[in-house]
């Protein structure tokens, strides 16, 4: 049985996340954490996570392979971990995205094993599968998580994702019991809720985000085409200047979906998508997110297992209250995993 969230503002707990005035702007929160100037600092903070990282090709079933990076406490000469966190990046990000490294290093330093998974055609993995990535490829991510757990059966597994990765994390959690996955908790930071809304915001909102995603996606498509020239000719897509037209051509020519609407509806987590959720799941949403419209919260099913924390500020996957430290969301996830 499910219910809707009648008013997103009713979920605000402003005193929990209250950044300083200069950090409260939504665009500052969305852009500052991923600026290159922070990468050197972040790599220093994540040095133990990265030193322990081992590349693994995960068998997802049906011939699909995904690239992941596993960091084990034992590799560092520490006692075996009780917990394992599988981390999922956002669209056109990777397992090395700064928000993934930030959370991963924070959890790893608190005794948790960490598995950073790349989606198909993200990170250095375009060569592993001929078919192209799209956001409805849930089966292979479920297969990857199941395969990871089978390889590490003594760990208590949680999953956490950002943006599109948060969307996938919640969909994996909803599927977990039927898929034979023993998942302790799921965490979603600013997950894509209703893809139609996010597409509309990207097309009509700030050009900064639209240009970023178009440029990153075109770069990925060029690489995929170069690896499989006999299969792909993306000239028509690369000639477009809007995400909507690019996506429509991709769907029509290279997917099983009959229309753009059918595809976008295919990975929405609004409506009944989470109604049967049994895994304890936590969603962190910023009401000022410039990419994920908070009004779509009222379209979500509200099963007892789903906890939503909607903050007044935070931008898109920001939640940064200190420039030189982990994010507020990182700390919340560690607290809920009882690592601190």
C-alpha atoms as a PDB file:
ATOM      1  CA  UNK A   1       0.000   0.000   0.000  1.00  0.00           C
ATOM      2  CA  UNK A   2       1.407   3.404  -0.916  1.00  0.00           C
ATOM      3  CA  UNK A   3       0.659   7.065  -0.459  1.00  0.00           C
ATOM      4  CA  UNK A   4       1.891  10.243  -2.034  1.00  0.00           C
ATOM      5  CA  UNK A   5       3.988  12.927  -0.400  1.00  0.00           C
ATOM      6  CA  UNK A   6       1.521  15.830  -0.332  1.00  0.00           C
ATOM      7  CA  UNK A   7       3.910  18.715   0.161  1.00  0.00           C
ATOM      8  CA  UNK A   8       7.700  18.516  -0.348  1.00  0.00           C
ATOM      9  CA  UNK A   9       8.265  21.426   2.032  1.00  0.00           C
ATOM     10  CA  UNK A  10       6.876  19.316   4.871  1.00  0.00           C
ATOM     11  CA  UNK A  11      10.013  17.209   4.678  1.00  0.00           C
ATOM     12  CA  UNK A  12      12.497  20.064   5.145  1.00  0.00           C
ATOM     13  CA  UNK A  13      14.862  19.697   8.084  1.00  0.00           C
ATOM     14  CA  UNK A  14      16.829  22.869   7.563  1.00  0.00           C
ATOM     15  CA  UNK A  15      18.765  22.610  10.789  1.00  0.00           C
ATOM     16  CA  UNK A  16      20.256  19.292   9.686  1.00  0.00           C
ATOM     17  CA  UNK A  17      21.927  20.760   6.595  1.00  0.00           C
ATOM     18  CA  UNK A  18      22.581  24.471   6.947  1.00  0.00           C
ATOM     19  CA  UNK A  19      25.552  25.614   4.831  1.00  0.00           C
ATOM     20  CA  UNK A  20      27.180  28.983   5.332  1.00  0.00           C
ATOM     21  CA  UNK A  21      25.704  31.837   3.321  1.00  0.00           C
ATOM     22  CA  UNK A  22      28.385  31.734   0.613  1.00  0.00           C
ATOM     23  CA  UNK A  23      27.669  28.032   0.069  1.00  0.00           C
ATOM     24  CA  UNK A  24      23.893  28.228   0.062  1.00  0.00           C
ATOM     25  CA  UNK A  25      23.441  29.070  -3.631  1.00  0.00           C
ATOM     26  CA  UNK A  26      22.116  26.109  -5.623  1.00  0.00           C
ATOM     27  CA  UNK A  27      24.554  26.547  -8.510  1.00  0.00           C
ATOM     28  CA  UNK A  28      27.527  26.879  -6.159  1.00  0.00           C
ATOM     29  CA  UNK A  29      26.450  23.644  -4.461  1.00  0.00           C
ATOM     30  CA  UNK A  30      26.037  21.904  -7.822  1.00  0.00           C
ATOM     31  CA  UNK A  31      29.263  23.030  -9.488  1.00  0.00           C
ATOM     32  CA  UNK A  32      31.856  23.729  -6.788  1.00  0.00           C
ATOM     33  CA  UNK A  33      32.243  20.142  -5.475  1.00  0.00           C
ATOM     34  CA  UNK A  34      33.228  18.907  -8.960  1.00  0.00           C
ATOM     35  CA  UNK A  35      35.668  21.658  -9.941  1.00  0.00           C
ATOM     36  CA  UNK A  36      39.085  20.411 -10.993  1.00  0.00           C
ATOM     37  CA  UNK A  37      40.738  22.540  -8.328  1.00  0.00           C
ATOM     38  CA  UNK A  38      39.376  20.077  -5.744  1.00  0.00           C
ATOM     39  CA  UNK A  39      40.593  16.925  -7.492  1.00  0.00           C
ATOM     40  CA  UNK A  40      44.182  16.977  -6.191  1.00  0.00           C
ATOM     41  CA  UNK A  41      42.942  17.537  -2.649  1.00  0.00           C
ATOM     42  CA  UNK A  42      40.335  14.812  -2.981  1.00  0.00           C
ATOM     43  CA  UNK A  43      42.845  12.318  -4.346  1.00  0.00           C
ATOM     44  CA  UNK A  44      45.003  12.927  -1.296  1.00  0.00           C
ATOM     45  CA  UNK A  45      42.029  12.235   0.962  1.00  0.00           C
ATOM     46  CA  UNK A  46      41.149   9.139  -1.086  1.00  0.00           C
ATOM     47  CA  UNK A  47      44.695   7.836  -1.356  1.00  0.00           C
ATOM     48  CA  UNK A  48      44.064   4.726   0.776  1.00  0.00           C
ATOM     49  CA  UNK A  49      40.870   3.883  -1.090  1.00  0.00           C
ATOM     50  CA  UNK A  50      42.676   4.243  -4.419  1.00  0.00           C
ATOM     51  CA  UNK A  51      45.790   2.382  -3.258  1.00  0.00           C
ATOM     52  CA  UNK A  52      43.627  -0.585  -2.278  1.00  0.00           C
ATOM     53  CA  UNK A  53      41.552  -0.458  -5.472  1.00  0.00           C
ATOM     54  CA  UNK A  54      41.582  -3.477  -7.770  1.00  0.00           C
ATOM     55  CA  UNK A  55      39.958  -3.438 -11.207  1.00  0.00           C
ATOM     56  CA  UNK A  56      37.341  -6.137 -11.696  1.00  0.00           C
ATOM     57  CA  UNK A  57      35.249  -7.135 -14.685  1.00  0.00           C
ATOM     58  CA  UNK A  58      31.826  -8.070 -13.356  1.00  0.00           C
ATOM     59  CA  UNK A  59      29.783 -10.768 -15.099  1.00  0.00           C
ATOM     60  CA  UNK A  60      26.229  -9.424 -15.173  1.00  0.00           C
ATOM     61  CA  UNK A  61      24.695 -12.333 -17.079  1.00  0.00           C
ATOM     62  CA  UNK A  62      23.563 -12.512 -20.710  1.00  0.00           C
ATOM     63  CA  UNK A  63      27.115 -11.779 -21.840  1.00  0.00           C
ATOM     64  CA  UNK A  64      27.176  -8.290 -20.314  1.00  0.00           C
ATOM     65  CA  UNK A  65      30.303  -7.145 -18.492  1.00  0.00           C
ATOM     66  CA  UNK A  66      30.768  -4.034 -16.386  1.00  0.00           C
ATOM     67  CA  UNK A  67      33.955  -2.540 -15.005  1.00  0.00           C
ATOM     68  CA  UNK A  68      34.293  -1.988 -11.283  1.00  0.00           C
ATOM     69  CA  UNK A  69      36.941  -1.097  -8.718  1.00  0.00           C
ATOM     70  CA  UNK A  70      37.024  -2.993  -5.431  1.00  0.00           C
ATOM     71  CA  UNK A  71      38.815  -1.606  -2.358  1.00  0.00           C
ATOM     72  CA  UNK A  72      39.202  -4.076   0.486  1.00  0.00           C
ATOM     73  CA  UNK A  73      40.245  -3.336   4.054  1.00  0.00           C
ATOM     74  CA  UNK A  74      42.375  -6.489   4.013  1.00  0.00           C
ATOM     75  CA  UNK A  75      44.420  -5.135   1.115  1.00  0.00           C
ATOM     76  CA  UNK A  76      45.587  -2.431   3.541  1.00  0.00           C
ATOM     77  CA  UNK A  77      46.449  -4.986   6.211  1.00  0.00           C
ATOM     78  CA  UNK A  78      43.331  -4.240   8.240  1.00  0.00           C
ATOM     79  CA  UNK A  79      40.767  -6.667   9.662  1.00  0.00           C
ATOM     80  CA  UNK A  80      38.156  -7.920   7.215  1.00  0.00           C
ATOM     81  CA  UNK A  81      35.258  -5.528   6.804  1.00  0.00           C
ATOM     82  CA  UNK A  82      31.746  -6.386   7.907  1.00  0.00           C
ATOM     83  CA  UNK A  83      30.183  -3.946   5.458  1.00  0.00           C
ATOM     84  CA  UNK A  84      30.379  -3.414   1.707  1.00  0.00           C
ATOM     85  CA  UNK A  85      29.104  -0.340  -0.119  1.00  0.00           C
ATOM     86  CA  UNK A  86      28.434  -0.495  -3.866  1.00  0.00           C
ATOM     87  CA  UNK A  87      28.604   3.038  -5.275  1.00  0.00           C
ATOM     88  CA  UNK A  88      26.923   4.211  -8.490  1.00  0.00           C
ATOM     89  CA  UNK A  89      27.820   7.406 -10.347  1.00  0.00           C
ATOM     90  CA  UNK A  90      25.572   9.715 -12.340  1.00  0.00           C
ATOM     91  CA  UNK A  91      25.024   9.957 -16.095  1.00  0.00           C
ATOM     92  CA  UNK A  92      28.288  10.638 -17.950  1.00  0.00           C
ATOM     93  CA  UNK A  93      30.170  10.392 -14.670  1.00  0.00           C
ATOM     94  CA  UNK A  94      32.290   7.427 -13.653  1.00  0.00           C
ATOM     95  CA  UNK A  95      33.544   5.437 -10.705  1.00  0.00           C
ATOM     96  CA  UNK A  96      36.245   8.115 -10.417  1.00  0.00           C
ATOM     97  CA  UNK A  97      33.810  11.041 -10.214  1.00  0.00           C
ATOM     98  CA  UNK A  98      34.681  13.258  -7.282  1.00  0.00           C
ATOM     99  CA  UNK A  99      31.413  12.709  -5.430  1.00  0.00           C
ATOM    100  CA  UNK A 100      31.976   8.932  -5.666  1.00  0.00           C
ATOM    101  CA  UNK A 101      35.548   9.226  -4.415  1.00  0.00           C
ATOM    102  CA  UNK A 102      34.425  11.518  -1.610  1.00  0.00           C
ATOM    103  CA  UNK A 103      31.822   9.094  -0.284  1.00  0.00           C
ATOM    104  CA  UNK A 104      33.978   6.057  -1.030  1.00  0.00           C
ATOM    105  CA  UNK A 105      36.982   7.369   0.874  1.00  0.00           C
ATOM    106  CA  UNK A 106      34.840   8.463   3.816  1.00  0.00           C
ATOM    107  CA  UNK A 107      33.278   5.002   4.107  1.00  0.00           C
ATOM    108  CA  UNK A 108      36.583   3.210   3.496  1.00  0.00           C
ATOM    109  CA  UNK A 109      38.342   5.179   6.227  1.00  0.00           C
ATOM    110  CA  UNK A 110      35.626   3.960   8.603  1.00  0.00           C
ATOM    111  CA  UNK A 111      36.210   0.290   7.940  1.00  0.00           C
ATOM    112  CA  UNK A 112      33.850  -0.384   5.046  1.00  0.00           C
ATOM    113  CA  UNK A 113      34.838  -2.195   1.854  1.00  0.00           C
ATOM    114  CA  UNK A 114      33.905  -0.207  -1.250  1.00  0.00           C
ATOM    115  CA  UNK A 115      33.002  -1.319  -4.767  1.00  0.00           C
ATOM    116  CA  UNK A 116      32.777   1.521  -7.300  1.00  0.00           C
ATOM    117  CA  UNK A 117      30.829   0.329 -10.332  1.00  0.00           C
ATOM    118  CA  UNK A 118      30.858   1.900 -13.786  1.00  0.00           C
ATOM    119  CA  UNK A 119      27.707   1.752 -15.857  1.00  0.00           C
ATOM    120  CA  UNK A 120      28.047   0.464 -19.420  1.00  0.00           C
ATOM    121  CA  UNK A 121      29.961   2.964 -21.608  1.00  0.00           C
ATOM    122  CA  UNK A 122      31.112   5.016 -18.601  1.00  0.00           C
ATOM    123  CA  UNK A 123      34.683   5.350 -17.436  1.00  0.00           C
ATOM    124  CA  UNK A 124      37.154   3.302 -19.523  1.00  0.00           C
ATOM    125  CA  UNK A 125      34.600   0.622 -20.360  1.00  0.00           C
ATOM    126  CA  UNK A 126      33.151   1.435 -23.784  1.00  0.00           C
ATOM    127  CA  UNK A 127      34.894  -1.581 -25.304  1.00  0.00           C
ATOM    128  CA  UNK A 128      33.330  -4.175 -23.005  1.00  0.00           C
ATOM    129  CA  UNK A 129      29.870  -4.329 -24.593  1.00  0.00           C
ATOM    130  CA  UNK A 130      28.806  -3.644 -28.170  1.00  0.00           C
ATOM    131  CA  UNK A 131      25.295  -2.408 -27.411  1.00  0.00           C
ATOM    132  CA  UNK A 132      25.086   1.163 -26.212  1.00  0.00           C
ATOM    133  CA  UNK A 133      24.142   2.395 -22.735  1.00  0.00           C
ATOM    134  CA  UNK A 134      20.705   3.690 -21.909  1.00  0.00           C
ATOM    135  CA  UNK A 135      19.060   4.387 -18.574  1.00  0.00           C
ATOM    136  CA  UNK A 136      16.641   1.449 -18.712  1.00  0.00           C
ATOM    137  CA  UNK A 137      19.408  -1.150 -18.557  1.00  0.00           C
ATOM    138  CA  UNK A 138      18.428  -2.121 -15.019  1.00  0.00           C
ATOM    139  CA  UNK A 139      18.827  -5.879 -15.496  1.00  0.00           C
ATOM    140  CA  UNK A 140      22.580  -5.666 -15.945  1.00  0.00           C
ATOM    141  CA  UNK A 141      23.059  -3.456 -12.892  1.00  0.00           C
ATOM    142  CA  UNK A 142      20.967  -5.875 -10.828  1.00  0.00           C
ATOM    143  CA  UNK A 143      23.084  -8.677 -12.270  1.00  0.00           C
ATOM    144  CA  UNK A 144      26.276  -6.849 -11.356  1.00  0.00           C
ATOM    145  CA  UNK A 145      25.178  -6.265  -7.762  1.00  0.00           C
ATOM    146  CA  UNK A 146      24.156  -9.922  -7.431  1.00  0.00           C
ATOM    147  CA  UNK A 147      27.506 -11.042  -8.837  1.00  0.00           C
ATOM    148  CA  UNK A 148      29.401  -8.746  -6.459  1.00  0.00           C
ATOM    149  CA  UNK A 149      27.516 -10.144  -3.477  1.00  0.00           C
ATOM    150  CA  UNK A 150      28.158 -13.732  -4.525  1.00  0.00           C
ATOM    151  CA  UNK A 151      31.872 -12.960  -4.603  1.00  0.00           C
ATOM    152  CA  UNK A 152      31.771 -11.343  -1.154  1.00  0.00           C
ATOM    153  CA  UNK A 153      29.035 -13.281   0.683  1.00  0.00           C
ATOM    154  CA  UNK A 154      30.169 -12.409   4.217  1.00  0.00           C
ATOM    155  CA  UNK A 155      29.739  -8.648   3.789  1.00  0.00           C
ATOM    156  CA  UNK A 156      26.585  -6.721   4.671  1.00  0.00           C
ATOM    157  CA  UNK A 157      25.842  -4.952   1.418  1.00  0.00           C
ATOM    158  CA  UNK A 158      24.467  -1.448   0.946  1.00  0.00           C
ATOM    159  CA  UNK A 159      24.119   0.492  -2.298  1.00  0.00           C
ATOM    160  CA  UNK A 160      24.422   4.239  -2.825  1.00  0.00           C
ATOM    161  CA  UNK A 161      24.084   6.347  -5.935  1.00  0.00           C
ATOM    162  CA  UNK A 162      24.073   9.921  -7.134  1.00  0.00           C
ATOM    163  CA  UNK A 163      21.637  11.477  -9.635  1.00  0.00           C
ATOM    164  CA  UNK A 164      20.992   8.772 -12.262  1.00  0.00           C
ATOM    165  CA  UNK A 165      23.005   6.447 -10.013  1.00  0.00           C
ATOM    166  CA  UNK A 166      20.573   7.214  -7.198  1.00  0.00           C
ATOM    167  CA  UNK A 167      17.710   6.348  -9.517  1.00  0.00           C
ATOM    168  CA  UNK A 168      19.392   3.020 -10.303  1.00  0.00           C
ATOM    169  CA  UNK A 169      20.129   2.370  -6.611  1.00  0.00           C
ATOM    170  CA  UNK A 170      16.455   2.657  -5.699  1.00  0.00           C
ATOM    171  CA  UNK A 171      15.368   0.510  -8.638  1.00  0.00           C
ATOM    172  CA  UNK A 172      17.924  -2.138  -7.662  1.00  0.00           C
ATOM    173  CA  UNK A 173      16.631  -2.010  -4.085  1.00  0.00           C
ATOM    174  CA  UNK A 174      13.048  -2.470  -5.300  1.00  0.00           C
ATOM    175  CA  UNK A 175      14.122  -5.509  -7.332  1.00  0.00           C
ATOM    176  CA  UNK A 176      16.564  -6.962  -4.766  1.00  0.00           C
ATOM    177  CA  UNK A 177      14.377  -9.532  -2.938  1.00  0.00           C
ATOM    178  CA  UNK A 178      13.115 -11.073  -6.173  1.00  0.00           C
ATOM    179  CA  UNK A 179      16.640 -11.044  -7.625  1.00  0.00           C
ATOM    180  CA  UNK A 180      18.128 -12.943  -4.700  1.00  0.00           C
ATOM    181  CA  UNK A 181      20.126  -9.963  -3.415  1.00  0.00           C
ATOM    182  CA  UNK A 182      20.396  -9.497   0.352  1.00  0.00           C
ATOM    183  CA  UNK A 183      20.600  -5.711   0.505  1.00  0.00           C
ATOM    184  CA  UNK A 184      20.795  -3.976   3.875  1.00  0.00           C
ATOM    185  CA  UNK A 185      20.140  -0.395   2.803  1.00  0.00           C
ATOM    186  CA  UNK A 186      19.947   1.824  -0.265  1.00  0.00           C
ATOM    187  CA  UNK A 187      20.873   5.497  -0.496  1.00  0.00           C
ATOM    188  CA  UNK A 188      19.972   7.927  -3.272  1.00  0.00           C
ATOM    189  CA  UNK A 189      21.449  11.433  -3.408  1.00  0.00           C
ATOM    190  CA  UNK A 190      19.400  13.716  -5.670  1.00  0.00           C
ATOM    191  CA  UNK A 191      18.057  10.829  -7.767  1.00  0.00           C
ATOM    192  CA  UNK A 192      16.371  11.373 -11.109  1.00  0.00           C
ATOM    193  CA  UNK A 193      12.674  11.094 -10.242  1.00  0.00           C
ATOM    194  CA  UNK A 194      10.691  11.772 -13.412  1.00  0.00           C
ATOM    195  CA  UNK A 195      12.966  11.818 -16.487  1.00  0.00           C
ATOM    196  CA  UNK A 196      10.523  13.942 -18.482  1.00  0.00           C
ATOM    197  CA  UNK A 197      10.877  16.704 -15.879  1.00  0.00           C
ATOM    198  CA  UNK A 198      14.660  16.520 -15.758  1.00  0.00           C
ATOM    199  CA  UNK A 199      14.870  16.611 -19.550  1.00  0.00           C
ATOM    200  CA  UNK A 200      12.632  19.678 -19.613  1.00  0.00           C
ATOM    201  CA  UNK A 201      14.713  21.458 -16.959  1.00  0.00           C
ATOM    202  CA  UNK A 202      17.964  20.704 -18.772  1.00  0.00           C
ATOM    203  CA  UNK A 203      16.559  21.981 -22.063  1.00  0.00           C
ATOM    204  CA  UNK A 204      15.025  25.156 -20.676  1.00  0.00           C
ATOM    205  CA  UNK A 205      17.166  25.932 -17.645  1.00  0.00           C
ATOM    206  CA  UNK A 206      20.746  27.129 -17.313  1.00  0.00           C
ATOM    207  CA  UNK A 207      22.845  26.520 -20.429  1.00  0.00           C
ATOM    208  CA  UNK A 208      25.757  25.488 -18.185  1.00  0.00           C
ATOM    209  CA  UNK A 209      24.272  22.100 -17.327  1.00  0.00           C
ATOM    210  CA  UNK A 210      22.861  21.510 -20.802  1.00  0.00           C
ATOM    211  CA  UNK A 211      26.205  22.235 -22.453  1.00  0.00           C
ATOM    212  CA  UNK A 212      28.049  20.061 -19.939  1.00  0.00           C
ATOM    213  CA  UNK A 213      25.895  16.999 -20.571  1.00  0.00           C
ATOM    214  CA  UNK A 214      25.757  17.461 -24.348  1.00  0.00           C
ATOM    215  CA  UNK A 215      29.532  17.780 -24.593  1.00  0.00           C
ATOM    216  CA  UNK A 216      30.170  14.795 -22.321  1.00  0.00           C
ATOM    217  CA  UNK A 217      27.626  12.639 -24.134  1.00  0.00           C
ATOM    218  CA  UNK A 218      28.955  13.500 -27.584  1.00  0.00           C
ATOM    219  CA  UNK A 219      32.463  12.633 -26.457  1.00  0.00           C
ATOM    220  CA  UNK A 220      31.205   9.253 -25.247  1.00  0.00           C
ATOM    221  CA  UNK A 221      29.306   8.607 -28.492  1.00  0.00           C
ATOM    222  CA  UNK A 222      32.372   9.399 -30.602  1.00  0.00           C
ATOM    223  CA  UNK A 223      34.407   6.907 -28.600  1.00  0.00           C
ATOM    224  CA  UNK A 224      31.751   4.216 -28.907  1.00  0.00           C
ATOM    225  CA  UNK A 225      31.504   4.771 -32.657  1.00  0.00           C
ATOM    226  CA  UNK A 226      35.276   4.510 -33.056  1.00  0.00           C
ATOM    227  CA  UNK A 227      35.294   1.174 -31.228  1.00  0.00           C
ATOM    228  CA  UNK A 228      32.350  -0.298 -33.165  1.00  0.00           C
ATOM    229  CA  UNK A 229      32.329   1.508 -36.546  1.00  0.00           C
ATOM    230  CA  UNK A 230      30.545  -1.401 -38.229  1.00  0.00           C
ATOM    231  CA  UNK A 231      27.630  -1.000 -35.815  1.00  0.00           C
ATOM    232  CA  UNK A 232      27.251   2.699 -35.135  1.00  0.00           C
ATOM    233  CA  UNK A 233      27.027   5.873 -37.163  1.00  0.00           C
ATOM    234  CA  UNK A 234      26.087   8.640 -34.775  1.00  0.00           C
ATOM    235  CA  UNK A 235      26.425  11.493 -37.277  1.00  0.00           C
ATOM    236  CA  UNK A 236      22.748  12.429 -36.981  1.00  0.00           C
ATOM    237  CA  UNK A 237      22.911  12.487 -33.187  1.00  0.00           C
ATOM    238  CA  UNK A 238      26.190  14.404 -33.075  1.00  0.00           C
ATOM    239  CA  UNK A 239      24.697  17.077 -35.332  1.00  0.00           C
ATOM    240  CA  UNK A 240      21.983  17.900 -32.783  1.00  0.00           C
ATOM    241  CA  UNK A 241      22.117  20.746 -30.290  1.00  0.00           C
ATOM    242  CA  UNK A 242      19.500  19.583 -27.816  1.00  0.00           C
ATOM    243  CA  UNK A 243      19.370  16.652 -25.415  1.00  0.00           C
ATOM    244  CA  UNK A 244      15.793  15.915 -26.423  1.00  0.00           C
ATOM    245  CA  UNK A 245      16.565  15.517 -30.112  1.00  0.00           C
ATOM    246  CA  UNK A 246      19.726  13.519 -29.373  1.00  0.00           C
ATOM    247  CA  UNK A 247      17.825  11.174 -27.099  1.00  0.00           C
ATOM    248  CA  UNK A 248      14.919  10.794 -29.519  1.00  0.00           C
ATOM    249  CA  UNK A 249      17.216   9.689 -32.365  1.00  0.00           C
ATOM    250  CA  UNK A 250      19.105   7.305 -30.075  1.00  0.00           C
ATOM    251  CA  UNK A 251      15.841   5.737 -28.872  1.00  0.00           C
ATOM    252  CA  UNK A 252      14.399   5.402 -32.370  1.00  0.00           C
ATOM    253  CA  UNK A 253      17.508   3.913 -33.948  1.00  0.00           C
ATOM    254  CA  UNK A 254      19.321   2.021 -31.204  1.00  0.00           C
ATOM    255  CA  UNK A 255      16.801   0.908 -28.583  1.00  0.00           C
ATOM    256  CA  UNK A 256      13.838  -1.387 -28.151  1.00  0.00           C
ATOM    257  CA  UNK A 257      11.517   1.484 -27.192  1.00  0.00           C
ATOM    258  CA  UNK A 258       8.834   2.639 -29.596  1.00  0.00           C
ATOM    259  CA  UNK A 259       9.035   6.285 -28.577  1.00  0.00           C
ATOM    260  CA  UNK A 260      10.933   8.831 -26.513  1.00  0.00           C
ATOM    261  CA  UNK A 261       8.042   8.944 -24.028  1.00  0.00           C
ATOM    262  CA  UNK A 262       8.134   5.182 -23.557  1.00  0.00           C
ATOM    263  CA  UNK A 263      11.858   5.304 -22.895  1.00  0.00           C
ATOM    264  CA  UNK A 264      11.694   8.156 -20.379  1.00  0.00           C
ATOM    265  CA  UNK A 265       8.801   6.496 -18.568  1.00  0.00           C
ATOM    266  CA  UNK A 266      10.843   3.296 -18.472  1.00  0.00           C
ATOM    267  CA  UNK A 267      13.237   4.549 -15.809  1.00  0.00           C
ATOM    268  CA  UNK A 268      10.982   6.884 -13.844  1.00  0.00           C
ATOM    269  CA  UNK A 269      10.736   6.098 -10.129  1.00  0.00           C
ATOM    270  CA  UNK A 270       7.529   8.111  -9.734  1.00  0.00           C
ATOM    271  CA  UNK A 271       4.109   6.478  -9.740  1.00  0.00           C
ATOM    272  CA  UNK A 272       4.044   2.866  -8.568  1.00  0.00           C
ATOM    273  CA  UNK A 273       7.731   2.135  -9.302  1.00  0.00           C
ATOM    274  CA  UNK A 274       8.758   2.051  -5.623  1.00  0.00           C
ATOM    275  CA  UNK A 275       5.431   0.980  -4.138  1.00  0.00           C
ATOM    276  CA  UNK A 276       6.664  -2.520  -3.281  1.00  0.00           C
ATOM    277  CA  UNK A 277      10.044  -1.395  -1.942  1.00  0.00           C
ATOM    278  CA  UNK A 278      11.102  -3.582   1.010  1.00  0.00           C
ATOM    279  CA  UNK A 279      14.775  -2.647   1.469  1.00  0.00           C
ATOM    280  CA  UNK A 280      15.292   0.211   3.904  1.00  0.00           C
ATOM    281  CA  UNK A 281      16.040   3.144   1.590  1.00  0.00           C
ATOM    282  CA  UNK A 282      17.024   6.753   2.162  1.00  0.00           C
ATOM    283  CA  UNK A 283      16.634   9.591  -0.324  1.00  0.00           C
ATOM    284  CA  UNK A 284      18.363  12.949   0.074  1.00  0.00           C
ATOM    285  CA  UNK A 285      16.782  15.712  -1.990  1.00  0.00           C
ATOM    286  CA  UNK A 286      17.528  19.441  -2.215  1.00  0.00           C
ATOM    287  CA  UNK A 287      14.479  21.569  -2.908  1.00  0.00           C
ATOM    288  CA  UNK A 288      16.705  24.015  -4.812  1.00  0.00           C
ATOM    289  CA  UNK A 289      18.176  21.315  -7.086  1.00  0.00           C
ATOM    290  CA  UNK A 290      18.575  22.944 -10.541  1.00  0.00           C
ATOM    291  CA  UNK A 291      18.289  19.578 -12.326  1.00  0.00           C
ATOM    292  CA  UNK A 292      15.793  17.488 -10.335  1.00  0.00           C
ATOM    293  CA  UNK A 293      12.479  19.347  -9.814  1.00  0.00           C
ATOM    294  CA  UNK A 294      11.447  18.847  -6.197  1.00  0.00           C
ATOM    295  CA  UNK A 295       7.763  19.092  -7.131  1.00  0.00           C
ATOM    296  CA  UNK A 296       8.014  15.547  -8.475  1.00  0.00           C
ATOM    297  CA  UNK A 297       8.371  14.284  -4.901  1.00  0.00           C
ATOM    298  CA  UNK A 298       4.584  14.341  -4.634  1.00  0.00           C
ATOM    299  CA  UNK A 299       4.434  11.771  -7.435  1.00  0.00           C
ATOM    300  CA  UNK A 300       6.417   9.169  -5.490  1.00  0.00           C
ATOM    301  CA  UNK A 301       4.891   6.131  -3.841  1.00  0.00           C
ATOM    302  CA  UNK A 302       5.599   6.164  -0.111  1.00  0.00           C
ATOM    303  CA  UNK A 303       6.168   2.604   1.112  1.00  0.00           C
ATOM    304  CA  UNK A 304       7.205   2.284   4.779  1.00  0.00           C
ATOM    305  CA  UNK A 305      10.747   1.344   3.753  1.00  0.00           C
ATOM    306  CA  UNK A 306      11.382   4.692   2.042  1.00  0.00           C
ATOM    307  CA  UNK A 307      12.703   7.630   4.059  1.00  0.00           C
ATOM    308  CA  UNK A 308      12.894  10.995   2.283  1.00  0.00           C
ATOM    309  CA  UNK A 309      14.956  13.861   3.639  1.00  0.00           C
ATOM    310  CA  UNK A 310      14.263  17.008   1.643  1.00  0.00           C
ATOM    311  CA  UNK A 311      16.498  19.985   2.432  1.00  0.00           C
ATOM    312  CA  UNK A 312      16.009  23.626   1.510  1.00  0.00           C
ATOM    313  CA  UNK A 313      19.542  23.824   0.088  1.00  0.00           C
ATOM    314  CA  UNK A 314      22.068  21.461  -1.411  1.00  0.00           C
ATOM    315  CA  UNK A 315      21.892  21.938  -5.175  1.00  0.00           C
ATOM    316  CA  UNK A 316      22.441  18.876  -7.330  1.00  0.00           C
ATOM    317  CA  UNK A 317      24.513  16.265  -5.480  1.00  0.00           C
ATOM    318  CA  UNK A 318      26.201  19.015  -3.487  1.00  0.00           C
ATOM    319  CA  UNK A 319      25.339  19.106   0.216  1.00  0.00           C
ATOM    320  CA  UNK A 320      28.742  20.658   0.825  1.00  0.00           C
ATOM    321  CA  UNK A 321      28.994  22.499   4.138  1.00  0.00           C
ATOM    322  CA  UNK A 322      32.791  22.630   4.298  1.00  0.00           C
ATOM    323  CA  UNK A 323      35.038  23.160   1.300  1.00  0.00           C
ATOM    324  CA  UNK A 324      37.871  20.947   2.509  1.00  0.00           C
ATOM    325  CA  UNK A 325      35.939  17.974   3.817  1.00  0.00           C
ATOM    326  CA  UNK A 326      33.434  15.277   3.013  1.00  0.00           C
ATOM    327  CA  UNK A 327      29.861  16.301   2.241  1.00  0.00           C
ATOM    328  CA  UNK A 328      26.911  16.323   4.611  1.00  0.00           C
ATOM    329  CA  UNK A 329      25.418  13.471   2.560  1.00  0.00           C
ATOM    330  CA  UNK A 330      28.602  11.422   3.007  1.00  0.00           C
ATOM    331  CA  UNK A 331      28.295  11.754   6.761  1.00  0.00           C
ATOM    332  CA  UNK A 332      24.592  10.924   6.760  1.00  0.00           C
ATOM    333  CA  UNK A 333      25.174   7.734   4.787  1.00  0.00           C
ATOM    334  CA  UNK A 334      27.995   6.647   7.121  1.00  0.00           C
ATOM    335  CA  UNK A 335      25.804   7.385  10.148  1.00  0.00           C
ATOM    336  CA  UNK A 336      22.903   5.366   8.778  1.00  0.00           C
ATOM    337  CA  UNK A 337      25.270   2.478   8.012  1.00  0.00           C
ATOM    338  CA  UNK A 338      26.389   2.785  11.656  1.00  0.00           C
ATOM    339  CA  UNK A 339      30.025   3.214  10.654  1.00  0.00           C
ATOM    340  CA  UNK A 340      30.595   6.193  12.965  1.00  0.00           C
END
